[in-house]
Amino acid sequence: MDNAMLDTLTEYITTKILKQPGRALNPQEPLISGGLIDSFSLVDLALFVEDTFGVHIDDTELNASTFDTLEQLISLIEARR
């Protein structure tokens, strides 16, 4: 797993979405199914991923089966690069 990517995603999620800058996120922690990210925040996160990492995320991928944990998200980004 790319630690720089993990750090970038964690910082964005904790500061911009959760508004808890000091919060730690486990790479396997469920973001959507765990209630941390709602549908509005999910779209913001997808746009951030596309802009920051230069990949395209299909609307159909914005769900808990492909986008629920940081680990899944990083795997998706790496597969698109």
N, C-alpha and C. Protein backbone atom coordinates (compact mmCIF):
# COMPACT_ATOMS: atom_id res chain seq x y z
N MET A 1 0.85 -1.18 0.00
CA MET A 1 0.00 0.00 0.00
C MET A 1 0.89 1.24 0.00
N ASP A 2 0.52 2.22 -0.76
CA ASP A 2 1.26 3.46 -0.90
C ASP A 2 0.99 4.35 0.32
N ASN A 3 2.02 4.52 1.17
CA ASN A 3 1.84 5.29 2.40
C ASN A 3 1.59 6.78 2.15
N ALA A 4 2.21 7.33 1.11
CA ALA A 4 1.98 8.74 0.79
C ALA A 4 0.52 8.95 0.37
N MET A 5 -0.01 8.03 -0.40
CA MET A 5 -1.40 8.10 -0.83
C MET A 5 -2.32 7.96 0.39
N LEU A 6 -2.00 7.03 1.26
CA LEU A 6 -2.78 6.82 2.48
C LEU A 6 -2.79 8.10 3.32
N ASP A 7 -1.63 8.72 3.48
CA ASP A 7 -1.54 9.96 4.27
C ASP A 7 -2.37 11.08 3.64
N THR A 8 -2.31 11.21 2.32
CA THR A 8 -3.05 12.26 1.61
C THR A 8 -4.55 12.05 1.78
N LEU A 9 -5.01 10.82 1.59
CA LEU A 9 -6.44 10.52 1.73
C LEU A 9 -6.91 10.70 3.17
N THR A 10 -6.11 10.23 4.12
CA THR A 10 -6.47 10.35 5.53
C THR A 10 -6.58 11.82 5.93
N GLU A 11 -5.62 12.63 5.50
CA GLU A 11 -5.65 14.05 5.83
C GLU A 11 -6.89 14.72 5.24
N TYR A 12 -7.21 14.43 4.00
CA TYR A 12 -8.39 15.02 3.37
C TYR A 12 -9.67 14.62 4.11
N ILE A 13 -9.81 13.34 4.36
CA ILE A 13 -11.03 12.84 5.01
C ILE A 13 -11.18 13.40 6.41
N THR A 14 -10.10 13.39 7.19
CA THR A 14 -10.21 13.85 8.58
C THR A 14 -10.37 15.36 8.70
N THR A 15 -9.74 16.13 7.81
CA THR A 15 -9.85 17.59 7.93
C THR A 15 -11.03 18.17 7.18
N LYS A 16 -11.29 17.72 5.97
CA LYS A 16 -12.34 18.32 5.14
C LYS A 16 -13.71 17.68 5.31
N ILE A 17 -13.74 16.37 5.51
CA ILE A 17 -15.04 15.68 5.60
C ILE A 17 -15.48 15.51 7.05
N LEU A 18 -14.61 14.94 7.88
CA LEU A 18 -14.99 14.68 9.27
C LEU A 18 -14.81 15.88 10.18
N LYS A 19 -13.99 16.85 9.74
CA LYS A 19 -13.66 18.04 10.54
C LYS A 19 -13.04 17.64 11.88
N GLN A 20 -12.22 16.59 11.85
CA GLN A 20 -11.50 16.10 13.03
C GLN A 20 -10.03 15.89 12.65
N PRO A 21 -9.26 16.98 12.50
CA PRO A 21 -7.90 16.89 11.96
C PRO A 21 -6.96 15.92 12.68
N GLY A 22 -7.12 15.70 13.95
CA GLY A 22 -6.22 14.82 14.67
C GLY A 22 -6.65 13.36 14.68
N ARG A 23 -7.75 13.05 14.06
CA ARG A 23 -8.31 11.69 14.10
C ARG A 23 -7.47 10.73 13.26
N ALA A 24 -7.28 9.55 13.79
CA ALA A 24 -6.58 8.50 13.05
C ALA A 24 -7.61 7.62 12.36
N LEU A 25 -7.29 7.21 11.14
CA LEU A 25 -8.15 6.30 10.39
C LEU A 25 -7.36 5.03 10.09
N ASN A 26 -7.95 3.90 10.39
CA ASN A 26 -7.36 2.62 10.06
C ASN A 26 -7.66 2.35 8.59
N PRO A 27 -6.69 1.83 7.82
CA PRO A 27 -6.94 1.56 6.39
C PRO A 27 -8.10 0.60 6.13
N GLN A 28 -8.47 -0.22 7.12
CA GLN A 28 -9.60 -1.15 6.96
C GLN A 28 -10.89 -0.65 7.59
N GLU A 29 -10.87 0.56 8.14
CA GLU A 29 -12.06 1.10 8.80
C GLU A 29 -13.14 1.42 7.77
N PRO A 30 -14.35 0.91 7.98
CA PRO A 30 -15.43 1.18 7.01
C PRO A 30 -15.87 2.65 7.06
N LEU A 31 -15.74 3.31 5.93
CA LEU A 31 -16.08 4.73 5.86
C LEU A 31 -17.56 4.94 5.55
N ILE A 32 -18.07 4.21 4.58
CA ILE A 32 -19.47 4.37 4.17
C ILE A 32 -20.38 3.54 5.08
N SER A 33 -20.12 2.23 5.14
CA SER A 33 -20.98 1.36 5.94
C SER A 33 -20.84 1.65 7.44
N GLY A 34 -19.72 2.29 7.83
CA GLY A 34 -19.54 2.66 9.22
C GLY A 34 -20.15 4.01 9.56
N GLY A 35 -20.72 4.70 8.56
CA GLY A 35 -21.40 5.96 8.80
C GLY A 35 -20.50 7.18 8.89
N LEU A 36 -19.22 7.05 8.58
CA LEU A 36 -18.33 8.20 8.63
C LEU A 36 -18.52 9.14 7.44
N ILE A 37 -18.83 8.58 6.29
CA ILE A 37 -18.99 9.36 5.06
C ILE A 37 -20.40 9.16 4.52
N ASP A 38 -21.09 10.27 4.28
CA ASP A 38 -22.43 10.19 3.69
C ASP A 38 -22.33 10.36 2.17
N SER A 39 -23.45 10.32 1.49
CA SER A 39 -23.44 10.36 0.02
C SER A 39 -22.89 11.67 -0.52
N PHE A 40 -23.13 12.78 0.16
CA PHE A 40 -22.60 14.06 -0.29
C PHE A 40 -21.09 14.10 -0.16
N SER A 41 -20.60 13.62 0.97
CA SER A 41 -19.15 13.59 1.20
C SER A 41 -18.47 12.60 0.27
N LEU A 42 -19.16 11.56 -0.09
CA LEU A 42 -18.62 10.56 -1.01
C LEU A 42 -18.32 11.17 -2.37
N VAL A 43 -19.20 12.02 -2.85
CA VAL A 43 -18.97 12.70 -4.12
C VAL A 43 -17.77 13.64 -4.00
N ASP A 44 -17.68 14.37 -2.90
CA ASP A 44 -16.53 15.25 -2.67
C ASP A 44 -15.23 14.46 -2.66
N LEU A 45 -15.25 13.31 -1.99
CA LEU A 45 -14.06 12.46 -1.93
C LEU A 45 -13.69 11.95 -3.31
N ALA A 46 -14.66 11.55 -4.10
CA ALA A 46 -14.39 11.06 -5.45
C ALA A 46 -13.77 12.16 -6.31
N LEU A 47 -14.28 13.37 -6.20
CA LEU A 47 -13.72 14.49 -6.96
C LEU A 47 -12.29 14.79 -6.51
N PHE A 48 -12.06 14.72 -5.22
CA PHE A 48 -10.71 14.93 -4.69
C PHE A 48 -9.75 13.87 -5.24
N VAL A 49 -10.18 12.62 -5.24
CA VAL A 49 -9.35 11.52 -5.77
C VAL A 49 -9.04 11.75 -7.24
N GLU A 50 -10.04 12.11 -8.00
CA GLU A 50 -9.83 12.33 -9.44
C GLU A 50 -8.85 13.48 -9.68
N ASP A 51 -9.02 14.58 -8.96
CA ASP A 51 -8.16 15.74 -9.14
C ASP A 51 -6.74 15.50 -8.63
N THR A 52 -6.62 14.85 -7.50
CA THR A 52 -5.32 14.66 -6.86
C THR A 52 -4.49 13.57 -7.50
N PHE A 53 -5.14 12.48 -7.88
CA PHE A 53 -4.40 11.32 -8.37
C PHE A 53 -4.55 11.09 -9.88
N GLY A 54 -5.34 11.93 -10.54
CA GLY A 54 -5.46 11.86 -11.98
C GLY A 54 -6.10 10.58 -12.51
N VAL A 55 -7.08 10.08 -11.77
CA VAL A 55 -7.79 8.87 -12.19
C VAL A 55 -9.28 9.20 -12.33
N HIS A 56 -9.99 8.36 -13.05
CA HIS A 56 -11.44 8.54 -13.20
C HIS A 56 -12.16 7.51 -12.34
N ILE A 57 -13.14 7.98 -11.58
CA ILE A 57 -13.97 7.11 -10.76
C ILE A 57 -15.38 7.13 -11.37
N ASP A 58 -15.87 5.97 -11.76
CA ASP A 58 -17.23 5.88 -12.30
C ASP A 58 -18.25 6.07 -11.18
N ASP A 59 -19.37 6.68 -11.53
CA ASP A 59 -20.44 6.88 -10.54
C ASP A 59 -20.89 5.55 -9.93
N THR A 60 -20.87 4.49 -10.73
CA THR A 60 -21.31 3.18 -10.24
C THR A 60 -20.35 2.61 -9.19
N GLU A 61 -19.16 3.16 -9.08
CA GLU A 61 -18.18 2.68 -8.10
C GLU A 61 -18.29 3.39 -6.75
N LEU A 62 -19.14 4.38 -6.67
CA LEU A 62 -19.30 5.12 -5.43
C LEU A 62 -20.26 4.40 -4.50
N ASN A 63 -19.79 3.28 -3.96
CA ASN A 63 -20.61 2.47 -3.06
C ASN A 63 -19.71 1.73 -2.08
N ALA A 64 -20.31 1.10 -1.12
CA ALA A 64 -19.56 0.43 -0.06
C ALA A 64 -18.81 -0.81 -0.54
N SER A 65 -19.17 -1.37 -1.67
CA SER A 65 -18.46 -2.58 -2.12
C SER A 65 -17.12 -2.27 -2.77
N THR A 66 -16.93 -1.05 -3.26
CA THR A 66 -15.64 -0.72 -3.90
C THR A 66 -14.94 0.48 -3.27
N PHE A 67 -15.62 1.21 -2.42
CA PHE A 67 -15.13 2.50 -1.95
C PHE A 67 -15.26 2.65 -0.44
N ASP A 68 -15.38 1.54 0.30
CA ASP A 68 -15.73 1.63 1.72
C ASP A 68 -14.55 1.86 2.64
N THR A 69 -13.37 1.39 2.29
CA THR A 69 -12.21 1.57 3.17
C THR A 69 -11.10 2.28 2.41
N LEU A 70 -10.17 2.84 3.14
CA LEU A 70 -9.02 3.47 2.51
C LEU A 70 -8.23 2.44 1.71
N GLU A 71 -8.15 1.25 2.22
CA GLU A 71 -7.45 0.17 1.53
C GLU A 71 -8.08 -0.11 0.16
N GLN A 72 -9.41 -0.20 0.11
CA GLN A 72 -10.11 -0.42 -1.16
C GLN A 72 -9.91 0.76 -2.10
N LEU A 73 -9.98 1.96 -1.56
CA LEU A 73 -9.83 3.16 -2.36
C LEU A 73 -8.43 3.24 -2.98
N ILE A 74 -7.42 2.94 -2.20
CA ILE A 74 -6.05 2.96 -2.70
C ILE A 74 -5.85 1.89 -3.77
N SER A 75 -6.42 0.72 -3.58
CA SER A 75 -6.34 -0.33 -4.59
C SER A 75 -6.99 0.11 -5.90
N LEU A 76 -8.12 0.79 -5.80
CA LEU A 76 -8.82 1.29 -6.97
C LEU A 76 -7.97 2.33 -7.70
N ILE A 77 -7.38 3.25 -6.95
CA ILE A 77 -6.54 4.29 -7.54
C ILE A 77 -5.32 3.66 -8.22
N GLU A 78 -4.67 2.73 -7.53
CA GLU A 78 -3.48 2.08 -8.10
C GLU A 78 -3.82 1.30 -9.36
N ALA A 79 -4.98 0.68 -9.42
CA ALA A 79 -5.40 -0.07 -10.60
C ALA A 79 -5.64 0.85 -11.79
N ARG A 80 -6.03 2.10 -11.52
CA ARG A 80 -6.33 3.05 -12.58
C ARG A 80 -5.10 3.78 -13.11
N ARG A 81 -4.03 3.75 -12.36
CA ARG A 81 -2.83 4.50 -12.78
C ARG A 81 -2.11 3.82 -13.90
